């Protein structure tokens, strides 16, 4: 498959994702409230997961060890709130919603 075709498919999928997120925003907000208590460590770790941050970046921001932060990220991944992606040869974290 050509690079152009792959890029076209990626763009289409991103558009579909955007529409689904928009149509289900109230349900997603409810789910986040259920899984992310306000002022919890999970909320603190979730917020900087913007697709560019690595574990160490988040750990520094919340003033915790990388190991502790990694464990919290693992919990967020199991809950389906965060995903790990590779970008520029680095493992970074991104909010799913």
N, C-alpha and C. Protein backbone atom coordinates (compact mmCIF):
# COMPACT_ATOMS: atom_id res chain seq x y z
N UNK A 1 0.85 -1.17 0.00
CA UNK A 1 0.00 0.00 0.00
C UNK A 1 0.90 1.24 0.00
N UNK A 2 0.54 2.22 -0.77
CA UNK A 2 1.37 3.42 -0.90
C UNK A 2 1.27 4.31 0.35
N UNK A 3 2.29 5.13 0.52
CA UNK A 3 2.32 6.08 1.63
C UNK A 3 1.13 7.04 1.58
N UNK A 4 0.78 7.49 0.38
CA UNK A 4 -0.36 8.41 0.23
C UNK A 4 -1.65 7.76 0.68
N UNK A 5 -1.84 6.50 0.30
CA UNK A 5 -3.06 5.77 0.67
C UNK A 5 -3.11 5.58 2.19
N UNK A 6 -1.98 5.22 2.79
CA UNK A 6 -1.93 5.06 4.24
C UNK A 6 -2.24 6.36 4.96
N UNK A 7 -1.72 7.45 4.45
CA UNK A 7 -1.99 8.75 5.06
C UNK A 7 -3.47 9.12 4.92
N UNK A 8 -4.05 8.80 3.79
CA UNK A 8 -5.48 9.05 3.56
C UNK A 8 -6.33 8.25 4.55
N UNK A 9 -5.98 6.99 4.76
CA UNK A 9 -6.70 6.14 5.70
C UNK A 9 -6.55 6.67 7.12
N UNK A 10 -5.34 7.07 7.48
CA UNK A 10 -5.09 7.62 8.81
C UNK A 10 -5.93 8.88 9.05
N UNK A 11 -5.98 9.75 8.08
CA UNK A 11 -6.77 10.98 8.19
C UNK A 11 -8.26 10.65 8.35
N UNK A 12 -8.74 9.71 7.57
CA UNK A 12 -10.14 9.31 7.66
C UNK A 12 -10.46 8.74 9.04
N UNK A 13 -9.58 7.89 9.55
CA UNK A 13 -9.79 7.30 10.87
C UNK A 13 -9.76 8.37 11.97
N UNK A 14 -8.89 9.35 11.85
CA UNK A 14 -8.85 10.45 12.82
C UNK A 14 -10.13 11.26 12.77
N UNK A 15 -10.67 11.47 11.58
CA UNK A 15 -11.94 12.19 11.44
C UNK A 15 -13.08 11.41 12.10
N UNK A 16 -13.11 10.11 11.88
CA UNK A 16 -14.15 9.26 12.48
C UNK A 16 -14.02 9.29 14.00
N UNK A 17 -12.80 9.18 14.49
CA UNK A 17 -12.56 9.24 15.94
C UNK A 17 -13.08 10.56 16.51
N UNK A 18 -12.78 11.66 15.82
CA UNK A 18 -13.24 12.96 16.28
C UNK A 18 -14.75 13.04 16.37
N UNK A 19 -15.44 12.51 15.38
CA UNK A 19 -16.90 12.51 15.39
C UNK A 19 -17.46 11.65 16.53
N UNK A 20 -16.86 10.48 16.73
CA UNK A 20 -17.30 9.60 17.81
C UNK A 20 -17.07 10.24 19.18
N UNK A 21 -15.93 10.90 19.34
CA UNK A 21 -15.65 11.58 20.60
C UNK A 21 -16.65 12.70 20.85
N UNK A 22 -16.93 13.46 19.82
CA UNK A 22 -17.88 14.56 19.94
C UNK A 22 -19.28 14.05 20.28
N UNK A 23 -19.71 13.00 19.60
CA UNK A 23 -21.06 12.46 19.81
C UNK A 23 -21.22 11.81 21.17
N UNK A 24 -20.13 11.36 21.76
CA UNK A 24 -20.21 10.63 23.03
C UNK A 24 -19.50 11.34 24.17
N UNK A 25 -19.29 12.64 24.04
CA UNK A 25 -18.52 13.38 25.03
C UNK A 25 -19.11 13.26 26.44
N UNK A 26 -20.43 13.30 26.59
CA UNK A 26 -21.02 13.20 27.92
C UNK A 26 -20.74 11.85 28.56
N UNK A 27 -20.81 10.78 27.79
CA UNK A 27 -20.50 9.45 28.31
C UNK A 27 -19.03 9.32 28.67
N UNK A 28 -18.17 9.89 27.85
CA UNK A 28 -16.74 9.85 28.12
C UNK A 28 -16.39 10.64 29.37
N UNK A 29 -17.03 11.80 29.55
CA UNK A 29 -16.80 12.60 30.75
C UNK A 29 -17.23 11.84 32.00
N UNK A 30 -18.35 11.14 31.92
CA UNK A 30 -18.82 10.33 33.05
C UNK A 30 -17.82 9.22 33.37
N UNK A 31 -17.32 8.57 32.34
CA UNK A 31 -16.36 7.50 32.54
C UNK A 31 -15.09 8.03 33.18
N UNK A 32 -14.60 9.17 32.70
CA UNK A 32 -13.40 9.76 33.29
C UNK A 32 -13.62 10.09 34.76
N UNK A 33 -14.79 10.65 35.09
CA UNK A 33 -15.08 10.96 36.49
C UNK A 33 -15.08 9.71 37.35
N UNK A 34 -15.60 8.62 36.81
CA UNK A 34 -15.66 7.37 37.55
C UNK A 34 -14.26 6.79 37.76
N UNK A 35 -13.41 6.88 36.75
CA UNK A 35 -12.08 6.29 36.84
C UNK A 35 -11.01 7.25 37.37
N UNK A 36 -11.26 8.54 37.26
CA UNK A 36 -10.27 9.54 37.69
C UNK A 36 -10.87 10.46 38.74
N UNK A 37 -10.68 10.10 39.99
CA UNK A 37 -11.17 10.97 41.06
C UNK A 37 -10.41 12.29 41.04
N UNK A 38 -11.11 13.36 41.30
CA UNK A 38 -10.47 14.68 41.36
C UNK A 38 -9.38 14.66 42.42
N UNK A 39 -8.28 15.33 42.15
CA UNK A 39 -7.15 15.44 43.07
C UNK A 39 -6.49 14.10 43.41
N UNK A 40 -6.66 13.10 42.56
CA UNK A 40 -5.98 11.82 42.78
C UNK A 40 -4.66 11.81 42.02
N UNK A 41 -3.78 10.90 42.39
CA UNK A 41 -2.51 10.78 41.69
C UNK A 41 -2.75 10.38 40.24
N UNK A 42 -3.77 9.58 39.99
CA UNK A 42 -4.08 9.19 38.62
C UNK A 42 -4.46 10.41 37.77
N UNK A 43 -5.21 11.33 38.34
CA UNK A 43 -5.55 12.56 37.62
C UNK A 43 -4.31 13.39 37.32
N UNK A 44 -3.41 13.46 38.29
CA UNK A 44 -2.17 14.22 38.10
C UNK A 44 -1.33 13.63 36.97
N UNK A 45 -1.29 12.30 36.88
CA UNK A 45 -0.51 11.64 35.84
C UNK A 45 -1.22 11.73 34.50
N UNK A 46 -2.54 11.63 34.50
CA UNK A 46 -3.33 11.65 33.26
C UNK A 46 -3.19 12.97 32.51
N UNK A 47 -3.24 14.07 33.23
CA UNK A 47 -3.27 15.39 32.59
C UNK A 47 -2.10 15.66 31.64
N UNK A 48 -0.86 15.37 32.01
CA UNK A 48 0.23 15.68 31.08
C UNK A 48 0.44 14.66 29.95
N UNK A 49 -0.40 13.64 29.88
CA UNK A 49 -0.28 12.64 28.81
C UNK A 49 -0.83 13.22 27.51
N UNK A 50 0.02 13.95 26.80
CA UNK A 50 -0.42 14.68 25.62
C UNK A 50 0.19 14.16 24.32
N UNK A 51 0.81 12.99 24.39
CA UNK A 51 1.41 12.42 23.19
C UNK A 51 2.84 12.85 22.97
N UNK A 52 3.37 13.67 23.88
CA UNK A 52 4.77 14.09 23.77
C UNK A 52 5.56 13.81 25.05
N UNK A 53 4.88 13.43 26.12
CA UNK A 53 5.53 13.28 27.41
C UNK A 53 5.97 11.84 27.67
N UNK A 54 7.16 11.72 28.21
CA UNK A 54 7.69 10.43 28.62
C UNK A 54 7.48 10.28 30.12
N UNK A 55 7.70 9.08 30.61
CA UNK A 55 7.52 8.79 32.04
C UNK A 55 8.32 9.77 32.89
N UNK A 56 9.58 10.00 32.55
CA UNK A 56 10.42 10.89 33.36
C UNK A 56 9.88 12.31 33.38
N UNK A 57 9.34 12.78 32.26
CA UNK A 57 8.76 14.13 32.21
C UNK A 57 7.59 14.25 33.19
N UNK A 58 6.73 13.23 33.18
CA UNK A 58 5.57 13.24 34.07
C UNK A 58 6.02 13.13 35.52
N UNK A 59 7.00 12.25 35.78
CA UNK A 59 7.52 12.07 37.14
C UNK A 59 8.07 13.37 37.70
N UNK A 60 8.80 14.09 36.87
CA UNK A 60 9.36 15.38 37.30
C UNK A 60 8.25 16.36 37.61
N UNK A 61 7.24 16.39 36.76
CA UNK A 61 6.13 17.34 36.95
C UNK A 61 5.37 17.07 38.25
N UNK A 62 5.14 15.79 38.57
CA UNK A 62 4.35 15.47 39.76
C UNK A 62 5.23 15.19 40.98
N UNK A 63 6.54 15.30 40.80
CA UNK A 63 7.52 15.13 41.87
C UNK A 63 7.45 13.74 42.52
N UNK A 64 7.43 12.72 41.66
CA UNK A 64 7.44 11.31 42.10
C UNK A 64 8.53 10.59 41.32
N UNK A 65 8.87 9.38 41.73
CA UNK A 65 9.89 8.62 41.02
C UNK A 65 9.34 8.11 39.68
N UNK A 66 10.25 7.80 38.78
CA UNK A 66 9.86 7.25 37.48
C UNK A 66 9.16 5.91 37.65
N UNK A 67 9.61 5.11 38.60
CA UNK A 67 9.01 3.80 38.83
C UNK A 67 7.57 3.94 39.30
N UNK A 68 7.34 4.84 40.24
CA UNK A 68 6.00 5.07 40.75
C UNK A 68 5.10 5.60 39.64
N UNK A 69 5.60 6.57 38.89
CA UNK A 69 4.84 7.16 37.79
C UNK A 69 4.51 6.11 36.75
N UNK A 70 5.48 5.25 36.42
CA UNK A 70 5.24 4.18 35.46
C UNK A 70 4.15 3.23 35.91
N UNK A 71 4.11 2.96 37.22
CA UNK A 71 3.06 2.08 37.75
C UNK A 71 1.68 2.73 37.61
N UNK A 72 1.60 4.03 37.85
CA UNK A 72 0.33 4.74 37.70
C UNK A 72 -0.09 4.76 36.23
N UNK A 73 0.87 4.97 35.33
CA UNK A 73 0.57 4.95 33.90
C UNK A 73 0.04 3.58 33.50
N UNK A 74 0.62 2.53 34.03
CA UNK A 74 0.14 1.17 33.74
C UNK A 74 -1.31 0.99 34.17
N UNK A 75 -1.65 1.53 35.31
CA UNK A 75 -3.03 1.46 35.80
C UNK A 75 -3.96 2.22 34.84
N UNK A 76 -3.53 3.39 34.41
CA UNK A 76 -4.34 4.18 33.47
C UNK A 76 -4.51 3.45 32.14
N UNK A 77 -3.46 2.75 31.70
CA UNK A 77 -3.56 1.97 30.45
C UNK A 77 -4.57 0.84 30.62
N UNK A 78 -4.51 0.13 31.75
CA UNK A 78 -5.46 -0.96 31.99
C UNK A 78 -6.90 -0.45 32.02
N UNK A 79 -7.10 0.75 32.51
CA UNK A 79 -8.43 1.34 32.56
C UNK A 79 -8.86 1.87 31.18
N UNK A 80 -7.94 1.89 30.23
CA UNK A 80 -8.26 2.35 28.89
C UNK A 80 -8.21 3.85 28.72
N UNK A 81 -7.60 4.56 29.66
CA UNK A 81 -7.57 6.01 29.60
C UNK A 81 -6.35 6.57 28.88
N UNK A 82 -5.26 5.80 28.86
CA UNK A 82 -4.00 6.25 28.28
C UNK A 82 -3.47 5.15 27.38
N UNK A 83 -2.80 5.56 26.32
CA UNK A 83 -2.13 4.57 25.47
C UNK A 83 -0.68 4.98 25.29
N UNK A 84 0.14 3.98 25.06
CA UNK A 84 1.56 4.20 24.81
C UNK A 84 1.78 4.22 23.32
N UNK A 85 2.50 5.23 22.85
CA UNK A 85 2.85 5.30 21.44
C UNK A 85 4.34 5.58 21.31
N UNK A 86 4.89 5.22 20.17
CA UNK A 86 6.28 5.53 19.91
C UNK A 86 6.32 6.69 18.93
N UNK A 87 7.03 7.71 19.33
CA UNK A 87 7.13 8.92 18.52
C UNK A 87 8.58 9.38 18.55
N UNK A 88 9.18 9.44 17.39
CA UNK A 88 10.56 9.89 17.30
C UNK A 88 11.52 8.99 18.07
N UNK A 89 11.21 7.70 18.12
CA UNK A 89 12.08 6.76 18.82
C UNK A 89 11.91 6.78 20.33
N UNK A 90 10.93 7.52 20.82
CA UNK A 90 10.68 7.60 22.27
C UNK A 90 9.31 7.04 22.58
N UNK A 91 9.19 6.41 23.74
CA UNK A 91 7.90 5.92 24.20
C UNK A 91 7.22 7.05 24.97
N UNK A 92 6.07 7.50 24.47
CA UNK A 92 5.33 8.59 25.08
C UNK A 92 3.90 8.15 25.36
N UNK A 93 3.18 8.96 26.10
CA UNK A 93 1.82 8.60 26.55
C UNK A 93 0.82 9.62 26.07
N UNK A 94 -0.34 9.11 25.72
CA UNK A 94 -1.38 9.95 25.14
C UNK A 94 -2.74 9.59 25.76
N UNK A 95 -3.51 10.62 26.10
CA UNK A 95 -4.87 10.38 26.58
C UNK A 95 -5.68 9.78 25.43
N UNK A 96 -6.51 8.83 25.74
CA UNK A 96 -7.34 8.22 24.69
C UNK A 96 -8.58 9.05 24.42
N UNK A 97 -9.02 9.85 25.40
CA UNK A 97 -10.25 10.63 25.25
C UNK A 97 -9.99 12.07 25.59
